[in-house]
Amino acid sequence: MNTRTTLLLAAAVAVTATTATAALKAGSWDLAVSRNAIRLSPRPRPGCPDCKGEGG
């Protein structure tokens, strides 16, 4: 790979990570990362009329 391609790939990864972080903070999602999996799950919302903030 040449230098330009490497720099463009690194910039794309950084932008993607920043966008994902902003989306997770803005929404009600929880990100769990382990060595074998990346799990994205909804967080309980205190104002939910169905579960009253308990989740599920």
PDB file of N, CA and C in Angstrom:
ATOM      1  N   MET A   1       0.846  -1.178   0.000  1.00  0.00           N
ATOM      2  CA  MET A   1       0.000   0.000   0.000  1.00  0.00           C
ATOM      3  C   MET A   1       0.887   1.236   0.000  1.00  0.00           C
ATOM      4  N   ASN A   2       0.494   2.201  -0.757  1.00  0.00           N
ATOM      5  CA  ASN A   2       1.304   3.417  -0.742  1.00  0.00           C
ATOM      6  C   ASN A   2       0.885   4.325   0.418  1.00  0.00           C
ATOM      7  N   THR A   3       1.630   5.368   0.638  1.00  0.00           N
ATOM      8  CA  THR A   3       1.429   6.248   1.790  1.00  0.00           C
ATOM      9  C   THR A   3       0.086   6.951   1.747  1.00  0.00           C
ATOM     10  N   ARG A   4      -0.318   7.387   0.563  1.00  0.00           N
ATOM     11  CA  ARG A   4      -1.590   8.118   0.440  1.00  0.00           C
ATOM     12  C   ARG A   4      -2.777   7.229   0.825  1.00  0.00           C
ATOM     13  N   THR A   5      -2.773   6.010   0.345  1.00  0.00           N
ATOM     14  CA  THR A   5      -3.852   5.072   0.662  1.00  0.00           C
ATOM     15  C   THR A   5      -3.906   4.788   2.160  1.00  0.00           C
ATOM     16  N   THR A   6      -2.746   4.621   2.759  1.00  0.00           N
ATOM     17  CA  THR A   6      -2.671   4.354   4.198  1.00  0.00           C
ATOM     18  C   THR A   6      -3.237   5.523   4.999  1.00  0.00           C
ATOM     19  N   LEU A   7      -2.882   6.741   4.615  1.00  0.00           N
ATOM     20  CA  LEU A   7      -3.394   7.919   5.319  1.00  0.00           C
ATOM     21  C   LEU A   7      -4.901   8.081   5.150  1.00  0.00           C
ATOM     22  N   LEU A   8      -5.406   7.826   3.942  1.00  0.00           N
ATOM     23  CA  LEU A   8      -6.848   7.913   3.714  1.00  0.00           C
ATOM     24  C   LEU A   8      -7.612   6.861   4.522  1.00  0.00           C
ATOM     25  N   LEU A   9      -7.070   5.672   4.613  1.00  0.00           N
ATOM     26  CA  LEU A   9      -7.702   4.607   5.395  1.00  0.00           C
ATOM     27  C   LEU A   9      -7.707   4.965   6.880  1.00  0.00           C
ATOM     28  N   ALA A  10      -6.612   5.502   7.378  1.00  0.00           N
ATOM     29  CA  ALA A  10      -6.545   5.902   8.788  1.00  0.00           C
ATOM     30  C   ALA A  10      -7.539   7.017   9.081  1.00  0.00           C
ATOM     31  N   ALA A  11      -7.683   7.964   8.165  1.00  0.00           N
ATOM     32  CA  ALA A  11      -8.645   9.055   8.353  1.00  0.00           C
ATOM     33  C   ALA A  11     -10.073   8.522   8.336  1.00  0.00           C
ATOM     34  N   ALA A  12     -10.365   7.574   7.466  1.00  0.00           N
ATOM     35  CA  ALA A  12     -11.713   7.003   7.394  1.00  0.00           C
ATOM     36  C   ALA A  12     -12.062   6.263   8.682  1.00  0.00           C
ATOM     37  N   VAL A  13     -11.118   5.539   9.241  1.00  0.00           N
ATOM     38  CA  VAL A  13     -11.356   4.818  10.492  1.00  0.00           C
ATOM     39  C   VAL A  13     -11.617   5.804  11.626  1.00  0.00           C
ATOM     40  N   ALA A  14     -10.841   6.876  11.677  1.00  0.00           N
ATOM     41  CA  ALA A  14     -11.022   7.869  12.740  1.00  0.00           C
ATOM     42  C   ALA A  14     -12.384   8.554  12.635  1.00  0.00           C
ATOM     43  N   VAL A  15     -12.797   8.904  11.431  1.00  0.00           N
ATOM     44  CA  VAL A  15     -14.096   9.552  11.242  1.00  0.00           C
ATOM     45  C   VAL A  15     -15.227   8.603  11.600  1.00  0.00           C
ATOM     46  N   THR A  16     -15.102   7.348  11.223  1.00  0.00           N
ATOM     47  CA  THR A  16     -16.134   6.356  11.543  1.00  0.00           C
ATOM     48  C   THR A  16     -16.260   6.157  13.047  1.00  0.00           C
ATOM     49  N   ALA A  17     -15.149   6.070  13.744  1.00  0.00           N
ATOM     50  CA  ALA A  17     -15.173   5.897  15.200  1.00  0.00           C
ATOM     51  C   ALA A  17     -15.791   7.113  15.884  1.00  0.00           C
ATOM     52  N   THR A  18     -15.462   8.303  15.419  1.00  0.00           N
ATOM     53  CA  THR A  18     -16.021   9.521  16.005  1.00  0.00           C
ATOM     54  C   THR A  18     -17.519   9.597  15.777  1.00  0.00           C
ATOM     55  N   THR A  19     -17.962   9.262  14.581  1.00  0.00           N
ATOM     56  CA  THR A  19     -19.389   9.284  14.264  1.00  0.00           C
ATOM     57  C   THR A  19     -20.150   8.258  15.099  1.00  0.00           C
ATOM     58  N   ALA A  20     -19.607   7.073  15.256  1.00  0.00           N
ATOM     59  CA  ALA A  20     -20.259   6.042  16.060  1.00  0.00           C
ATOM     60  C   ALA A  20     -20.365   6.464  17.514  1.00  0.00           C
ATOM     61  N   THR A  21     -19.321   7.077  18.038  1.00  0.00           N
ATOM     62  CA  THR A  21     -19.345   7.544  19.427  1.00  0.00           C
ATOM     63  C   THR A  21     -20.403   8.615  19.622  1.00  0.00           C
ATOM     64  N   ALA A  22     -20.498   9.550  18.696  1.00  0.00           N
ATOM     65  CA  ALA A  22     -21.505  10.615  18.799  1.00  0.00           C
ATOM     66  C   ALA A  22     -22.912  10.046  18.710  1.00  0.00           C
ATOM     67  N   ALA A  23     -23.121   9.085  17.832  1.00  0.00           N
ATOM     68  CA  ALA A  23     -24.447   8.480  17.693  1.00  0.00           C
ATOM     69  C   ALA A  23     -24.842   7.719  18.952  1.00  0.00           C
ATOM     70  N   LEU A  24     -23.888   7.028  19.570  1.00  0.00           N
ATOM     71  CA  LEU A  24     -24.198   6.287  20.791  1.00  0.00           C
ATOM     72  C   LEU A  24     -24.524   7.223  21.945  1.00  0.00           C
ATOM     73  N   LYS A  25     -23.818   8.344  22.037  1.00  0.00           N
ATOM     74  CA  LYS A  25     -24.095   9.294  23.111  1.00  0.00           C
ATOM     75  C   LYS A  25     -25.431   9.990  22.901  1.00  0.00           C
ATOM     76  N   ALA A  26     -25.797  10.261  21.657  1.00  0.00           N
ATOM     77  CA  ALA A  26     -27.045  10.959  21.360  1.00  0.00           C
ATOM     78  C   ALA A  26     -28.253  10.038  21.541  1.00  0.00           C
ATOM     79  N   GLY A  27     -28.107   8.772  21.258  1.00  0.00           N
ATOM     80  CA  GLY A  27     -29.209   7.835  21.355  1.00  0.00           C
ATOM     81  C   GLY A  27     -29.205   7.097  22.671  1.00  0.00           C
ATOM     82  N   SER A  28     -30.087   6.149  22.778  1.00  0.00           N
ATOM     83  CA  SER A  28     -30.170   5.359  24.006  1.00  0.00           C
ATOM     84  C   SER A  28     -29.640   3.953  23.742  1.00  0.00           C
ATOM     85  N   TRP A  29     -28.377   3.878  23.340  1.00  0.00           N
ATOM     86  CA  TRP A  29     -27.755   2.605  23.034  1.00  0.00           C
ATOM     87  C   TRP A  29     -26.550   2.380  23.932  1.00  0.00           C
ATOM     88  N   ASP A  30     -26.274   1.128  24.222  1.00  0.00           N
ATOM     89  CA  ASP A  30     -25.134   0.744  25.048  1.00  0.00           C
ATOM     90  C   ASP A  30     -24.202  -0.115  24.187  1.00  0.00           C
ATOM     91  N   LEU A  31     -22.926   0.220  24.163  1.00  0.00           N
ATOM     92  CA  LEU A  31     -21.941  -0.512  23.376  1.00  0.00           C
ATOM     93  C   LEU A  31     -21.067  -1.325  24.315  1.00  0.00           C
ATOM     94  N   ALA A  32     -21.008  -2.637  24.081  1.00  0.00           N
ATOM     95  CA  ALA A  32     -20.157  -3.524  24.863  1.00  0.00           C
ATOM     96  C   ALA A  32     -19.186  -4.208  23.901  1.00  0.00           C
ATOM     97  N   VAL A  33     -17.900  -4.102  24.180  1.00  0.00           N
ATOM     98  CA  VAL A  33     -16.884  -4.666  23.296  1.00  0.00           C
ATOM     99  C   VAL A  33     -16.046  -5.664  24.083  1.00  0.00           C
ATOM    100  N   SER A  34     -15.864  -6.833  23.516  1.00  0.00           N
ATOM    101  CA  SER A  34     -14.976  -7.826  24.102  1.00  0.00           C
ATOM    102  C   SER A  34     -14.041  -8.334  23.007  1.00  0.00           C
ATOM    103  N   ARG A  35     -13.224  -9.273  23.343  1.00  0.00           N
ATOM    104  CA  ARG A  35     -12.270  -9.789  22.361  1.00  0.00           C
ATOM    105  C   ARG A  35     -12.974 -10.487  21.202  1.00  0.00           C
ATOM    106  N   ASN A  36     -14.121 -11.104  21.458  1.00  0.00           N
ATOM    107  CA  ASN A  36     -14.799 -11.908  20.442  1.00  0.00           C
ATOM    108  C   ASN A  36     -16.076 -11.304  19.900  1.00  0.00           C
ATOM    109  N   ALA A  37     -16.552 -10.197  20.466  1.00  0.00           N
ATOM    110  CA  ALA A  37     -17.838  -9.680  20.019  1.00  0.00           C
ATOM    111  C   ALA A  37     -17.957  -8.183  20.264  1.00  0.00           C
ATOM    112  N   ILE A  38     -18.800  -7.579  19.476  1.00  0.00           N
ATOM    113  CA  ILE A  38     -19.210  -6.193  19.683  1.00  0.00           C
ATOM    114  C   ILE A  38     -20.728  -6.235  19.792  1.00  0.00           C
ATOM    115  N   ARG A  39     -21.248  -5.794  20.925  1.00  0.00           N
ATOM    116  CA  ARG A  39     -22.689  -5.867  21.175  1.00  0.00           C
ATOM    117  C   ARG A  39     -23.261  -4.463  21.321  1.00  0.00           C
ATOM    118  N   LEU A  40     -24.293  -4.176  20.562  1.00  0.00           N
ATOM    119  CA  LEU A  40     -24.998  -2.913  20.628  1.00  0.00           C
ATOM    120  C   LEU A  40     -26.413  -3.219  21.095  1.00  0.00           C
ATOM    121  N   SER A  41     -26.777  -2.721  22.278  1.00  0.00           N
ATOM    122  CA  SER A  41     -28.092  -3.029  22.832  1.00  0.00           C
ATOM    123  C   SER A  41     -28.752  -1.760  23.353  1.00  0.00           C
ATOM    124  N   PRO A  42     -30.075  -1.734  23.329  1.00  0.00           N
ATOM    125  CA  PRO A  42     -30.773  -0.549  23.815  1.00  0.00           C
ATOM    126  C   PRO A  42     -30.684  -0.418  25.333  1.00  0.00           C
ATOM    127  N   ARG A  43     -30.567   0.816  25.814  1.00  0.00           N
ATOM    128  CA  ARG A  43     -30.558   1.094  27.254  1.00  0.00           C
ATOM    129  C   ARG A  43     -31.984   1.368  27.714  1.00  0.00           C
ATOM    130  N   PRO A  44     -32.299   1.048  28.955  1.00  0.00           N
ATOM    131  CA  PRO A  44     -33.616   1.385  29.489  1.00  0.00           C
ATOM    132  C   PRO A  44     -33.801   2.905  29.511  1.00  0.00           C
ATOM    133  N   ARG A  45     -34.975   3.353  29.151  1.00  0.00           N
ATOM    134  CA  ARG A  45     -35.282   4.785  29.166  1.00  0.00           C
ATOM    135  C   ARG A  45     -36.230   5.061  30.330  1.00  0.00           C
ATOM    136  N   PRO A  46     -35.895   6.009  31.189  1.00  0.00           N
ATOM    137  CA  PRO A  46     -36.744   6.304  32.345  1.00  0.00           C
ATOM    138  C   PRO A  46     -38.170   6.698  31.972  1.00  0.00           C
ATOM    139  N   GLY A  47     -38.367   7.315  30.820  1.00  0.00           N
ATOM    140  CA  GLY A  47     -39.700   7.790  30.435  1.00  0.00           C
ATOM    141  C   GLY A  47     -40.501   6.804  29.623  1.00  0.00           C
ATOM    142  N   CYS A  48     -40.066   5.578  29.530  1.00  0.00           N
ATOM    143  CA  CYS A  48     -40.772   4.580  28.699  1.00  0.00           C
ATOM    144  C   CYS A  48     -42.105   4.214  29.366  1.00  0.00           C
ATOM    145  N   PRO A  49     -43.227   4.394  28.669  1.00  0.00           N
ATOM    146  CA  PRO A  49     -44.530   4.065  29.269  1.00  0.00           C
ATOM    147  C   PRO A  49     -44.792   2.566  29.383  1.00  0.00           C
ATOM    148  N   ASP A  50     -44.102   1.758  28.563  1.00  0.00           N
ATOM    149  CA  ASP A  50     -44.350   0.323  28.592  1.00  0.00           C
ATOM    150  C   ASP A  50     -43.673  -0.383  29.775  1.00  0.00           C
ATOM    151  N   CYS A  51     -42.412  -0.047  30.013  1.00  0.00           N
ATOM    152  CA  CYS A  51     -41.675  -0.755  31.064  1.00  0.00           C
ATOM    153  C   CYS A  51     -41.355   0.142  32.257  1.00  0.00           C
ATOM    154  N   LYS A  52     -41.703   1.382  32.176  1.00  0.00           N
ATOM    155  CA  LYS A  52     -41.483   2.356  33.245  1.00  0.00           C
ATOM    156  C   LYS A  52     -40.019   2.447  33.667  1.00  0.00           C
ATOM    157  N   GLY A  53     -39.113   2.343  32.648  1.00  0.00           N
ATOM    158  CA  GLY A  53     -37.699   2.491  32.908  1.00  0.00           C
ATOM    159  C   GLY A  53     -36.976   1.248  33.366  1.00  0.00           C
ATOM    160  N   GLU A  54     -37.667   0.134  33.452  1.00  0.00           N
ATOM    161  CA  GLU A  54     -37.060  -1.119  33.902  1.00  0.00           C
ATOM    162  C   GLU A  54     -36.249  -1.777  32.800  1.00  0.00           C
ATOM    163  N   GLY A  55     -36.561  -1.513  31.546  1.00  0.00           N
ATOM    164  CA  GLY A  55     -35.922  -2.167  30.417  1.00  0.00           C
ATOM    165  C   GLY A  55     -36.687  -3.420  30.029  1.00  0.00           C
ATOM    166  N   GLY A  56     -36.360  -3.944  28.862  1.00  0.00           N
ATOM    167  CA  GLY A  56     -37.000  -5.182  28.430  1.00  0.00           C
ATOM    168  C   GLY A  56     -38.110  -5.019  27.465  1.00  0.00           C
TER     169      GLY A  56
END
